[in-house]
Amino acid sequence: MPQKSSMFSMIGALTVVVGLAGCNSKAQAPPKVTNDELDRSVTAKINSEPALVAYKLDVDADADKNAVTISGTVPSESLRMKAVDAAKSVGAALVVNDKIDVKPELVERKDYDADMAREARARAAKSSESVGDSVDDAWIHTKVRSRLLGEGEFPGGGINVDVENNVVTLRGHVDSAADRAKAEQIAKSTDGVKRVKNQLVIKPSR
């Protein structure tokens, strides 16, 4: 009988320990985060970066999926990555959906820095274009390239833009003399451009 009593005591003790462990596990479970709380946390992290505050990026949080979607516009790839990294720092398991647009043409010269210039040169090199060593040349290339895409429609041609010492060289081909003149005017009217060398060849697509 004493042995049975001792065994029952041990079982009872184990039950208490397991029960306490279960209680402790429940007590340590983190409280559920709401969409608004997750939104505020990520927004605060992004805005803690001085370089990102001005762009007012939008955060859409889904706490159930532990995910956020970031949208908006920044002028450089490095700023896009800075925003994504800031959001990820909120939690290692947080899923960050990046819908940020990079539009370097929106930045003014006073805000255009060496990092943006490096990115502009890298993009230009991929398109067989050349950009001088100065930040001015990179900024001018960014502006001219953007304006040619946004303001000029050249369906039958392909235009390359080179910039050196604030001088723009237009290469490639266009459909008509009107397109050739239009491309030159767009480049000439861009801030910072001293001169335009128009080497565009008229080559009708039909």
Protein backbone atom coordinates (compact mmCIF):
# COMPACT_ATOMS: atom_id res chain seq x y z
CA MET A 1 0.00 0.00 0.00
CA PRO A 2 2.73 2.54 0.79
CA GLN A 3 4.20 1.92 -2.65
CA LYS A 4 0.85 2.65 -4.32
CA SER A 5 0.46 5.79 -2.26
CA SER A 6 3.93 6.91 -3.28
CA MET A 7 3.15 6.20 -6.94
CA PHE A 8 -0.08 8.20 -6.79
CA SER A 9 1.85 11.07 -5.19
CA MET A 10 4.38 11.05 -8.03
CA ILE A 11 1.64 11.00 -10.66
CA GLY A 12 -0.09 13.89 -8.92
CA ALA A 13 3.15 15.87 -8.80
CA LEU A 14 3.80 15.25 -12.48
CA THR A 15 0.27 16.36 -13.32
CA VAL A 16 0.81 19.60 -11.42
CA VAL A 17 4.16 20.20 -13.16
CA VAL A 18 2.66 19.55 -16.61
CA GLY A 19 -0.28 21.78 -15.76
CA LEU A 20 2.01 24.56 -14.62
CA ALA A 21 4.09 24.18 -17.77
CA GLY A 22 0.94 24.48 -19.84
CA CYS A 23 -0.07 27.60 -17.94
CA ASN A 24 3.37 29.12 -18.40
CA SER A 25 3.25 28.35 -22.15
CA LYS A 26 -0.09 30.12 -22.43
CA ALA A 27 1.12 33.01 -20.35
CA GLN A 28 4.16 33.48 -22.60
CA ALA A 29 2.18 33.48 -25.86
CA PRO A 30 2.47 36.95 -27.44
CA PRO A 31 -0.73 38.95 -27.72
CA LYS A 32 -2.30 39.09 -31.17
CA VAL A 33 -1.29 42.17 -33.15
CA THR A 34 -3.99 44.11 -35.00
CA ASN A 35 -3.69 45.48 -38.53
CA ASP A 36 -3.47 49.03 -37.19
CA GLU A 37 -0.72 48.12 -34.72
CA LEU A 38 1.35 46.37 -37.38
CA ASP A 39 0.75 49.27 -39.77
CA ARG A 40 1.95 51.79 -37.17
CA SER A 41 5.02 49.74 -36.29
CA VAL A 42 6.19 49.41 -39.90
CA THR A 43 5.35 53.03 -40.76
CA ALA A 44 7.31 54.22 -37.74
CA LYS A 45 10.33 52.13 -38.77
CA ILE A 46 10.28 53.49 -42.31
CA ASN A 47 9.87 57.09 -41.13
CA SER A 48 12.73 56.66 -38.68
CA GLU A 49 14.94 56.87 -41.78
CA PRO A 50 15.33 60.62 -42.47
CA ALA A 51 15.87 60.01 -46.20
CA LEU A 52 12.45 58.31 -46.52
CA VAL A 53 10.16 60.61 -44.54
CA ALA A 54 9.51 63.03 -47.42
CA TYR A 55 8.16 60.28 -49.71
CA LYS A 56 5.26 59.32 -47.42
CA LEU A 57 5.19 55.66 -48.37
CA ASP A 58 1.91 53.84 -47.78
CA VAL A 59 1.77 50.71 -45.61
CA ASP A 60 -1.10 48.22 -45.82
CA ALA A 61 -0.89 45.62 -43.06
CA ASP A 62 -2.46 42.15 -42.82
CA ALA A 63 -1.77 40.96 -39.28
CA ASP A 64 -3.40 37.55 -39.83
CA LYS A 65 -0.81 36.77 -42.53
CA ASN A 66 1.96 38.69 -40.73
CA ALA A 67 2.46 40.65 -43.95
CA VAL A 68 2.63 44.25 -45.13
CA THR A 69 2.47 45.83 -48.57
CA ILE A 70 4.48 49.00 -49.11
CA SER A 71 3.58 51.30 -52.00
CA GLY A 72 4.53 54.77 -53.17
CA THR A 73 7.31 56.40 -55.16
CA VAL A 74 10.99 57.07 -54.43
CA PRO A 75 13.69 58.51 -56.69
CA SER A 76 16.30 55.74 -56.35
CA GLU A 77 16.76 52.00 -56.01
CA SER A 78 18.82 52.47 -52.84
CA LEU A 79 15.91 54.28 -51.16
CA ARG A 80 13.52 51.52 -52.23
CA MET A 81 15.78 48.94 -50.59
CA LYS A 82 16.17 51.12 -47.49
CA ALA A 83 12.37 51.18 -47.09
CA VAL A 84 12.07 47.40 -47.55
CA ASP A 85 14.89 46.73 -45.08
CA ALA A 86 13.34 49.08 -42.53
CA ALA A 87 10.03 47.22 -42.77
CA LYS A 88 11.73 43.81 -42.45
CA SER A 89 13.49 44.95 -39.28
CA VAL A 90 10.11 45.01 -37.49
CA GLY A 91 10.14 41.22 -37.32
CA ALA A 92 12.23 38.43 -38.82
CA ALA A 93 9.12 36.52 -39.96
CA LEU A 94 7.34 39.57 -41.42
CA VAL A 95 6.46 39.20 -45.11
CA VAL A 96 7.09 42.44 -47.02
CA ASN A 97 5.38 42.92 -50.40
CA ASP A 98 7.30 45.61 -52.26
CA LYS A 99 5.19 47.71 -54.62
CA ILE A 100 7.37 50.83 -54.49
CA ASP A 101 7.95 52.61 -57.81
CA VAL A 102 11.40 54.03 -58.53
CA LYS A 103 11.16 57.28 -60.50
CA PRO A 104 14.54 59.05 -60.48
CA GLU A 105 13.28 61.81 -62.76
CA LEU A 106 11.18 63.25 -59.93
CA VAL A 107 14.17 64.30 -57.84
CA GLU A 108 15.49 67.86 -58.06
CA ARG A 109 19.19 68.53 -58.67
CA LYS A 110 19.78 69.68 -55.09
CA ASP A 111 18.51 66.31 -53.83
CA TYR A 112 20.33 64.20 -56.42
CA ASP A 113 23.30 62.50 -54.78
CA ALA A 114 26.29 60.30 -55.65
CA ASP A 115 24.36 57.06 -54.98
CA MET A 116 21.66 58.06 -57.45
CA ALA A 117 24.36 58.99 -59.97
CA ARG A 118 25.93 55.53 -59.64
CA GLU A 119 22.57 53.88 -60.24
CA ALA A 120 21.99 56.11 -63.31
CA ARG A 121 25.35 55.11 -64.78
CA ALA A 122 24.62 51.43 -64.21
CA ARG A 123 21.25 51.75 -65.99
CA ALA A 124 22.86 53.69 -68.84
CA ALA A 125 25.58 51.08 -69.31
CA LYS A 126 22.95 48.35 -69.73
CA SER A 127 21.48 50.38 -72.60
CA SER A 128 24.89 51.00 -74.21
CA GLU A 129 24.79 54.64 -73.15
CA SER A 130 27.58 56.64 -71.51
CA VAL A 131 27.40 59.12 -68.64
CA GLY A 132 30.21 61.39 -67.44
CA ASP A 133 31.74 61.24 -63.98
CA SER A 134 29.90 64.24 -62.55
CA VAL A 135 26.64 64.06 -60.63
CA ASP A 136 25.33 66.74 -63.03
CA ASP A 137 25.86 64.43 -66.02
CA ALA A 138 24.01 61.58 -64.31
CA TRP A 139 21.12 63.85 -63.32
CA ILE A 140 20.86 65.27 -66.85
CA HIS A 141 20.87 61.76 -68.34
CA THR A 142 18.09 60.72 -65.97
CA LYS A 143 15.98 63.76 -66.87
CA VAL A 144 16.51 63.57 -70.64
CA ARG A 145 15.87 59.83 -70.77
CA SER A 146 12.69 60.24 -68.73
CA ARG A 147 11.40 63.14 -70.83
CA LEU A 148 12.03 61.28 -74.07
CA LEU A 149 9.97 58.38 -72.74
CA GLY A 150 7.25 60.54 -71.19
CA GLU A 151 6.89 63.47 -73.59
CA GLY A 152 8.14 62.14 -76.87
CA GLU A 153 6.60 59.24 -78.71
CA PHE A 154 9.02 57.63 -81.13
CA PRO A 155 7.31 54.36 -82.14
CA GLY A 156 9.59 53.62 -85.07
CA GLY A 157 12.92 54.44 -83.49
CA GLY A 158 15.38 53.79 -80.77
CA ILE A 159 17.23 56.68 -79.14
CA ASN A 160 20.41 56.44 -77.07
CA VAL A 161 21.43 59.27 -74.77
CA ASP A 162 25.05 60.03 -73.86
CA VAL A 163 26.02 62.87 -71.51
CA GLU A 164 29.49 64.31 -70.95
CA ASN A 165 30.24 67.67 -69.32
CA ASN A 166 26.58 68.69 -69.57
CA VAL A 167 26.59 68.03 -73.34
CA VAL A 168 23.97 65.58 -74.59
CA THR A 169 24.52 63.36 -77.61
CA LEU A 170 21.49 61.72 -79.17
CA ARG A 171 22.20 58.54 -81.16
CA GLY A 172 20.04 55.99 -82.92
CA HIS A 173 17.21 56.33 -85.37
CA VAL A 174 13.73 57.84 -85.59
CA ASP A 175 10.80 57.67 -88.01
CA SER A 176 10.86 61.20 -89.36
CA ALA A 177 12.53 64.62 -89.42
CA ALA A 178 9.80 65.84 -87.08
CA ASP A 179 10.72 63.16 -84.54
CA ARG A 180 14.40 64.05 -84.88
CA ALA A 181 13.67 67.72 -84.20
CA LYS A 182 11.33 66.88 -81.33
CA ALA A 183 13.91 64.70 -79.58
CA GLU A 184 16.52 67.45 -79.91
CA GLN A 185 14.14 70.05 -78.51
CA ILE A 186 13.30 67.86 -75.52
CA ALA A 187 17.00 67.44 -74.74
CA LYS A 188 17.78 71.15 -75.24
CA SER A 189 14.98 72.27 -72.92
CA THR A 190 16.14 70.03 -70.06
CA ASP A 191 17.67 71.84 -67.08
CA GLY A 192 21.45 71.82 -67.01
CA VAL A 193 22.00 70.93 -70.67
CA LYS A 194 24.60 73.17 -72.33
CA ARG A 195 24.46 71.73 -75.83
CA VAL A 196 22.91 68.91 -77.84
CA LYS A 197 24.66 66.87 -80.52
CA ASN A 198 21.93 65.37 -82.66
CA GLN A 199 23.27 62.27 -84.41
CA LEU A 200 19.86 60.69 -84.91
CA VAL A 201 19.30 59.03 -88.28
CA ILE A 202 15.91 59.14 -90.02
CA LYS A 203 14.87 55.59 -90.72
CA PRO A 204 11.13 55.13 -91.41
CA SER A 205 9.67 51.99 -89.89
CA ARG A 206 7.48 51.43 -92.96
